[in-house]
Amino acid sequence: MKPDIHPKYFEAKVHCGSCGREWTVGSTSSELRVDVCSQCHPFFTGTQNIIDTAGQVERFQKRLERSARA
């Protein structure tokens, strides 16, 4: 077998962008970012939280109001 062909293995810090939770996992990257994790995803929590990072929810609600008036 060839020596030194495997990638480096790190204790990666994972950061959730919506709830701010951080934890560590093993990975070939030193840092990972996720949009939602199991602590804030609606499937796992049983609740519906609107996580809007780009203003898309407000745009959709405005379009919905305009179509309801028409």
PDB file of N, CA and C in Angstrom:
ATOM      1  N   MET A   1       0.831  -1.183   0.000  1.00  0.00           N
ATOM      2  CA  MET A   1       0.000   0.000   0.000  1.00  0.00           C
ATOM      3  C   MET A   1       0.880   1.253   0.000  1.00  0.00           C
ATOM      4  N   LYS A   2       0.459   2.293  -0.691  1.00  0.00           N
ATOM      5  CA  LYS A   2       1.246   3.511  -0.774  1.00  0.00           C
ATOM      6  C   LYS A   2       1.180   4.284   0.547  1.00  0.00           C
ATOM      7  N   PRO A   3       2.304   4.817   0.984  1.00  0.00           N
ATOM      8  CA  PRO A   3       2.276   5.614   2.217  1.00  0.00           C
ATOM      9  C   PRO A   3       1.750   7.028   1.947  1.00  0.00           C
ATOM     10  N   ASP A   4       1.147   7.628   2.936  1.00  0.00           N
ATOM     11  CA  ASP A   4       0.697   9.034   2.909  1.00  0.00           C
ATOM     12  C   ASP A   4      -0.311   9.335   1.801  1.00  0.00           C
ATOM     13  N   ILE A   5      -1.238   8.423   1.527  1.00  0.00           N
ATOM     14  CA  ILE A   5      -2.247   8.704   0.505  1.00  0.00           C
ATOM     15  C   ILE A   5      -3.580   9.136   1.119  1.00  0.00           C
ATOM     16  N   HIS A   6      -3.715   8.957   2.415  1.00  0.00           N
ATOM     17  CA  HIS A   6      -4.973   9.300   3.069  1.00  0.00           C
ATOM     18  C   HIS A   6      -5.000  10.779   3.453  1.00  0.00           C
ATOM     19  N   PRO A   7      -6.169  11.408   3.375  1.00  0.00           N
ATOM     20  CA  PRO A   7      -6.254  12.819   3.764  1.00  0.00           C
ATOM     21  C   PRO A   7      -6.074  12.979   5.273  1.00  0.00           C
ATOM     22  N   LYS A   8      -5.710  14.181   5.686  1.00  0.00           N
ATOM     23  CA  LYS A   8      -5.544  14.462   7.112  1.00  0.00           C
ATOM     24  C   LYS A   8      -6.908  14.443   7.785  1.00  0.00           C
ATOM     25  N   TYR A   9      -6.933  13.984   9.018  1.00  0.00           N
ATOM     26  CA  TYR A   9      -8.174  13.830   9.773  1.00  0.00           C
ATOM     27  C   TYR A   9      -8.162  14.820  10.934  1.00  0.00           C
ATOM     28  N   PHE A  10      -9.229  15.621  11.058  1.00  0.00           N
ATOM     29  CA  PHE A  10      -9.309  16.662  12.077  1.00  0.00           C
ATOM     30  C   PHE A  10     -10.487  16.423  13.016  1.00  0.00           C
ATOM     31  N   GLU A  11     -10.410  16.993  14.197  1.00  0.00           N
ATOM     32  CA  GLU A  11     -11.570  17.147  15.074  1.00  0.00           C
ATOM     33  C   GLU A  11     -12.222  18.448  14.614  1.00  0.00           C
ATOM     34  N   ALA A  12     -13.236  18.346  13.769  1.00  0.00           N
ATOM     35  CA  ALA A  12     -13.841  19.522  13.147  1.00  0.00           C
ATOM     36  C   ALA A  12     -14.889  20.138  14.055  1.00  0.00           C
ATOM     37  N   LYS A  13     -14.908  21.463  14.108  1.00  0.00           N
ATOM     38  CA  LYS A  13     -15.926  22.187  14.854  1.00  0.00           C
ATOM     39  C   LYS A  13     -17.068  22.501  13.884  1.00  0.00           C
ATOM     40  N   VAL A  14     -18.277  22.066  14.234  1.00  0.00           N
ATOM     41  CA  VAL A  14     -19.456  22.284  13.398  1.00  0.00           C
ATOM     42  C   VAL A  14     -20.269  23.409  14.018  1.00  0.00           C
ATOM     43  N   HIS A  15     -20.694  24.377  13.188  1.00  0.00           N
ATOM     44  CA  HIS A  15     -21.469  25.521  13.665  1.00  0.00           C
ATOM     45  C   HIS A  15     -22.795  25.581  12.910  1.00  0.00           C
ATOM     46  N   CYS A  16     -23.916  25.627  13.666  1.00  0.00           N
ATOM     47  CA  CYS A  16     -25.248  25.748  13.065  1.00  0.00           C
ATOM     48  C   CYS A  16     -25.545  27.230  12.854  1.00  0.00           C
ATOM     49  N   GLY A  17     -25.914  27.603  11.641  1.00  0.00           N
ATOM     50  CA  GLY A  17     -26.173  28.997  11.318  1.00  0.00           C
ATOM     51  C   GLY A  17     -27.481  29.533  11.856  1.00  0.00           C
ATOM     52  N   SER A  18     -28.443  28.685  12.168  1.00  0.00           N
ATOM     53  CA  SER A  18     -29.739  29.189  12.610  1.00  0.00           C
ATOM     54  C   SER A  18     -29.871  29.261  14.125  1.00  0.00           C
ATOM     55  N   CYS A  19     -29.365  28.285  14.856  1.00  0.00           N
ATOM     56  CA  CYS A  19     -29.523  28.317  16.316  1.00  0.00           C
ATOM     57  C   CYS A  19     -28.221  28.627  17.046  1.00  0.00           C
ATOM     58  N   GLY A  20     -27.089  28.574  16.355  1.00  0.00           N
ATOM     59  CA  GLY A  20     -25.815  28.916  16.971  1.00  0.00           C
ATOM     60  C   GLY A  20     -25.142  27.780  17.727  1.00  0.00           C
ATOM     61  N   ARG A  21     -25.704  26.602  17.700  1.00  0.00           N
ATOM     62  CA  ARG A  21     -25.141  25.455  18.418  1.00  0.00           C
ATOM     63  C   ARG A  21     -23.824  25.031  17.783  1.00  0.00           C
ATOM     64  N   GLU A  22     -22.867  24.613  18.608  1.00  0.00           N
ATOM     65  CA  GLU A  22     -21.579  24.133  18.117  1.00  0.00           C
ATOM     66  C   GLU A  22     -21.262  22.777  18.732  1.00  0.00           C
ATOM     67  N   TRP A  23     -20.644  21.900  17.940  1.00  0.00           N
ATOM     68  CA  TRP A  23     -20.213  20.593  18.413  1.00  0.00           C
ATOM     69  C   TRP A  23     -19.047  20.141  17.559  1.00  0.00           C
ATOM     70  N   THR A  24     -18.400  19.066  17.953  1.00  0.00           N
ATOM     71  CA  THR A  24     -17.241  18.581  17.205  1.00  0.00           C
ATOM     72  C   THR A  24     -17.524  17.197  16.633  1.00  0.00           C
ATOM     73  N   VAL A  25     -16.973  16.964  15.455  1.00  0.00           N
ATOM     74  CA  VAL A  25     -17.050  15.674  14.772  1.00  0.00           C
ATOM     75  C   VAL A  25     -15.701  15.412  14.109  1.00  0.00           C
ATOM     76  N   GLY A  26     -15.489  14.201  13.665  1.00  0.00           N
ATOM     77  CA  GLY A  26     -14.291  13.881  12.913  1.00  0.00           C
ATOM     78  C   GLY A  26     -14.520  14.135  11.435  1.00  0.00           C
ATOM     79  N   SER A  27     -13.578  14.820  10.774  1.00  0.00           N
ATOM     80  CA  SER A  27     -13.750  15.158   9.365  1.00  0.00           C
ATOM     81  C   SER A  27     -12.399  15.448   8.726  1.00  0.00           C
ATOM     82  N   THR A  28     -12.398  15.533   7.407  1.00  0.00           N
ATOM     83  CA  THR A  28     -11.190  15.931   6.696  1.00  0.00           C
ATOM     84  C   THR A  28     -11.097  17.442   6.565  1.00  0.00           C
ATOM     85  N   SER A  29     -12.144  18.170   6.972  1.00  0.00           N
ATOM     86  CA  SER A  29     -12.120  19.629   7.033  1.00  0.00           C
ATOM     87  C   SER A  29     -11.965  20.041   8.491  1.00  0.00           C
ATOM     88  N   SER A  30     -11.348  21.180   8.732  1.00  0.00           N
ATOM     89  CA  SER A  30     -11.144  21.595  10.116  1.00  0.00           C
ATOM     90  C   SER A  30     -12.347  22.327  10.691  1.00  0.00           C
ATOM     91  N   GLU A  31     -13.210  22.875   9.831  1.00  0.00           N
ATOM     92  CA  GLU A  31     -14.391  23.599  10.299  1.00  0.00           C
ATOM     93  C   GLU A  31     -15.546  23.361   9.336  1.00  0.00           C
ATOM     94  N   LEU A  32     -16.752  23.150   9.879  1.00  0.00           N
ATOM     95  CA  LEU A  32     -17.940  22.925   9.069  1.00  0.00           C
ATOM     96  C   LEU A  32     -19.042  23.869   9.512  1.00  0.00           C
ATOM     97  N   ARG A  33     -19.839  24.339   8.554  1.00  0.00           N
ATOM     98  CA  ARG A  33     -20.996  25.180   8.859  1.00  0.00           C
ATOM     99  C   ARG A  33     -22.225  24.545   8.221  1.00  0.00           C
ATOM    100  N   VAL A  34     -23.311  24.462   9.010  1.00  0.00           N
ATOM    101  CA  VAL A  34     -24.567  23.917   8.511  1.00  0.00           C
ATOM    102  C   VAL A  34     -25.659  24.961   8.697  1.00  0.00           C
ATOM    103  N   ASP A  35     -26.680  24.939   7.830  1.00  0.00           N
ATOM    104  CA  ASP A  35     -27.786  25.888   7.937  1.00  0.00           C
ATOM    105  C   ASP A  35     -28.710  25.535   9.090  1.00  0.00           C
ATOM    106  N   VAL A  36     -29.091  24.284   9.201  1.00  0.00           N
ATOM    107  CA  VAL A  36     -29.940  23.823  10.300  1.00  0.00           C
ATOM    108  C   VAL A  36     -29.384  22.517  10.845  1.00  0.00           C
ATOM    109  N   CYS A  37     -29.593  22.290  12.139  1.00  0.00           N
ATOM    110  CA  CYS A  37     -29.128  21.058  12.771  1.00  0.00           C
ATOM    111  C   CYS A  37     -30.322  20.322  13.368  1.00  0.00           C
ATOM    112  N   SER A  38     -30.068  19.223  14.039  1.00  0.00           N
ATOM    113  CA  SER A  38     -31.157  18.433  14.607  1.00  0.00           C
ATOM    114  C   SER A  38     -31.823  19.130  15.787  1.00  0.00           C
ATOM    115  N   GLN A  39     -31.180  20.134  16.372  1.00  0.00           N
ATOM    116  CA  GLN A  39     -31.773  20.864  17.490  1.00  0.00           C
ATOM    117  C   GLN A  39     -32.769  21.919  17.028  1.00  0.00           C
ATOM    118  N   CYS A  40     -32.678  22.367  15.768  1.00  0.00           N
ATOM    119  CA  CYS A  40     -33.574  23.428  15.305  1.00  0.00           C
ATOM    120  C   CYS A  40     -34.366  23.053  14.051  1.00  0.00           C
ATOM    121  N   HIS A  41     -34.152  21.869  13.468  1.00  0.00           N
ATOM    122  CA  HIS A  41     -34.891  21.459  12.278  1.00  0.00           C
ATOM    123  C   HIS A  41     -36.314  21.062  12.658  1.00  0.00           C
ATOM    124  N   PRO A  42     -37.329  21.522  11.902  1.00  0.00           N
ATOM    125  CA  PRO A  42     -38.733  21.232  12.238  1.00  0.00           C
ATOM    126  C   PRO A  42     -39.059  19.746  12.323  1.00  0.00           C
ATOM    127  N   PHE A  43     -38.409  18.914  11.565  1.00  0.00           N
ATOM    128  CA  PHE A  43     -38.687  17.480  11.618  1.00  0.00           C
ATOM    129  C   PHE A  43     -38.360  16.912  12.996  1.00  0.00           C
ATOM    130  N   PHE A  44     -37.261  17.350  13.569  1.00  0.00           N
ATOM    131  CA  PHE A  44     -36.825  16.819  14.857  1.00  0.00           C
ATOM    132  C   PHE A  44     -37.490  17.524  16.034  1.00  0.00           C
ATOM    133  N   THR A  45     -37.810  18.816  15.900  1.00  0.00           N
ATOM    134  CA  THR A  45     -38.380  19.561  17.027  1.00  0.00           C
ATOM    135  C   THR A  45     -39.889  19.437  17.103  1.00  0.00           C
ATOM    136  N   GLY A  46     -40.557  19.161  15.982  1.00  0.00           N
ATOM    137  CA  GLY A  46     -42.010  19.066  15.977  1.00  0.00           C
ATOM    138  C   GLY A  46     -42.690  20.415  15.893  1.00  0.00           C
ATOM    139  N   THR A  47     -41.938  21.483  15.779  1.00  0.00           N
ATOM    140  CA  THR A  47     -42.490  22.828  15.633  1.00  0.00           C
ATOM    141  C   THR A  47     -42.000  23.419  14.324  1.00  0.00           C
ATOM    142  N   GLN A  48     -42.677  24.463  13.886  1.00  0.00           N
ATOM    143  CA  GLN A  48     -42.266  25.120  12.653  1.00  0.00           C
ATOM    144  C   GLN A  48     -41.684  26.479  12.996  1.00  0.00           C
ATOM    145  N   ASN A  49     -40.396  26.631  12.767  1.00  0.00           N
ATOM    146  CA  ASN A  49     -39.709  27.898  12.966  1.00  0.00           C
ATOM    147  C   ASN A  49     -39.328  28.433  11.600  1.00  0.00           C
ATOM    148  N   ILE A  50     -39.604  29.700  11.364  1.00  0.00           N
ATOM    149  CA  ILE A  50     -39.214  30.307  10.095  1.00  0.00           C
ATOM    150  C   ILE A  50     -37.808  30.857  10.259  1.00  0.00           C
ATOM    151  N   ILE A  51     -36.872  30.276   9.526  1.00  0.00           N
ATOM    152  CA  ILE A  51     -35.485  30.709   9.554  1.00  0.00           C
ATOM    153  C   ILE A  51     -35.216  31.400   8.231  1.00  0.00           C
ATOM    154  N   ASP A  52     -35.116  32.713   8.272  1.00  0.00           N
ATOM    155  CA  ASP A  52     -34.972  33.491   7.051  1.00  0.00           C
ATOM    156  C   ASP A  52     -33.648  34.230   7.088  1.00  0.00           C
ATOM    157  N   THR A  53     -32.754  33.889   6.184  1.00  0.00           N
ATOM    158  CA  THR A  53     -31.456  34.538   6.174  1.00  0.00           C
ATOM    159  C   THR A  53     -31.333  35.568   5.060  1.00  0.00           C
ATOM    160  N   ALA A  54     -32.237  35.575   4.098  1.00  0.00           N
ATOM    161  CA  ALA A  54     -32.097  36.486   2.962  1.00  0.00           C
ATOM    162  C   ALA A  54     -33.353  37.316   2.699  1.00  0.00           C
ATOM    163  N   GLY A  55     -34.328  37.333   3.595  1.00  0.00           N
ATOM    164  CA  GLY A  55     -35.535  38.125   3.398  1.00  0.00           C
ATOM    165  C   GLY A  55     -36.536  37.497   2.452  1.00  0.00           C
ATOM    166  N   GLN A  56     -36.386  36.224   2.152  1.00  0.00           N
ATOM    167  CA  GLN A  56     -37.261  35.565   1.190  1.00  0.00           C
ATOM    168  C   GLN A  56     -38.666  35.365   1.736  1.00  0.00           C
ATOM    169  N   VAL A  57     -38.799  35.164   3.045  1.00  0.00           N
ATOM    170  CA  VAL A  57     -40.126  34.947   3.632  1.00  0.00           C
ATOM    171  C   VAL A  57     -40.968  36.210   3.501  1.00  0.00           C
ATOM    172  N   GLU A  58     -40.367  37.368   3.787  1.00  0.00           N
ATOM    173  CA  GLU A  58     -41.102  38.630   3.665  1.00  0.00           C
ATOM    174  C   GLU A  58     -41.528  38.881   2.226  1.00  0.00           C
ATOM    175  N   ARG A  59     -40.649  38.591   1.273  1.00  0.00           N
ATOM    176  CA  ARG A  59     -41.007  38.768  -0.138  1.00  0.00           C
ATOM    177  C   ARG A  59     -42.180  37.883  -0.518  1.00  0.00           C
ATOM    178  N   PHE A  60     -42.153  36.629  -0.070  1.00  0.00           N
ATOM    179  CA  PHE A  60     -43.239  35.706  -0.379  1.00  0.00           C
ATOM    180  C   PHE A  60     -44.547  36.177   0.252  1.00  0.00           C
ATOM    181  N   GLN A  61     -44.499  36.627   1.501  1.00  0.00           N
ATOM    182  CA  GLN A  61     -45.715  37.078   2.173  1.00  0.00           C
ATOM    183  C   GLN A  61     -46.297  38.320   1.498  1.00  0.00           C
ATOM    184  N   LYS A  62     -45.455  39.217   1.011  1.00  0.00           N
ATOM    185  CA  LYS A  62     -45.946  40.387   0.275  1.00  0.00           C
ATOM    186  C   LYS A  62     -46.640  39.967  -1.015  1.00  0.00           C
ATOM    187  N   ARG A  63     -46.044  39.024  -1.749  1.00  0.00           N
ATOM    188  CA  ARG A  63     -46.678  38.536  -2.976  1.00  0.00           C
ATOM    189  C   ARG A  63     -47.999  37.844  -2.681  1.00  0.00           C
ATOM    190  N   LEU A  64     -48.055  37.114  -1.589  1.00  0.00           N
ATOM    191  CA  LEU A  64     -49.275  36.422  -1.194  1.00  0.00           C
ATOM    192  C   LEU A  64     -50.381  37.420  -0.859  1.00  0.00           C
ATOM    193  N   GLU A  65     -50.039  38.505  -0.172  1.00  0.00           N
ATOM    194  CA  GLU A  65     -51.020  39.547   0.149  1.00  0.00           C
ATOM    195  C   GLU A  65     -51.534  40.225  -1.118  1.00  0.00           C
ATOM    196  N   ARG A  66     -50.622  40.507  -2.056  1.00  0.00           N
ATOM    197  CA  ARG A  66     -51.038  41.145  -3.308  1.00  0.00           C
ATOM    198  C   ARG A  66     -51.976  40.252  -4.107  1.00  0.00           C
ATOM    199  N   SER A  67     -51.693  38.961  -4.144  1.00  0.00           N
ATOM    200  CA  SER A  67     -52.559  38.059  -4.910  1.00  0.00           C
ATOM    201  C   SER A  67     -53.903  37.864  -4.209  1.00  0.00           C
ATOM    202  N   ALA A  68     -53.951  37.958  -2.899  1.00  0.00           N
ATOM    203  CA  ALA A  68     -55.216  37.819  -2.170  1.00  0.00           C
ATOM    204  C   ALA A  68     -56.108  39.036  -2.397  1.00  0.00           C
ATOM    205  N   ARG A  69     -55.506  40.220  -2.553  1.00  0.00           N
ATOM    206  CA  ARG A  69     -56.284  41.441  -2.803  1.00  0.00           C
ATOM    207  C   ARG A  69     -56.850  41.467  -4.213  1.00  0.00           C
ATOM    208  N   ALA A  70     -56.162  40.857  -5.153  1.00  0.00           N
ATOM    209  CA  ALA A  70     -56.586  40.903  -6.561  1.00  0.00           C
ATOM    210  C   ALA A  70     -57.718  39.959  -6.856  1.00  0.00           C
TER     211      ALA A  70
END
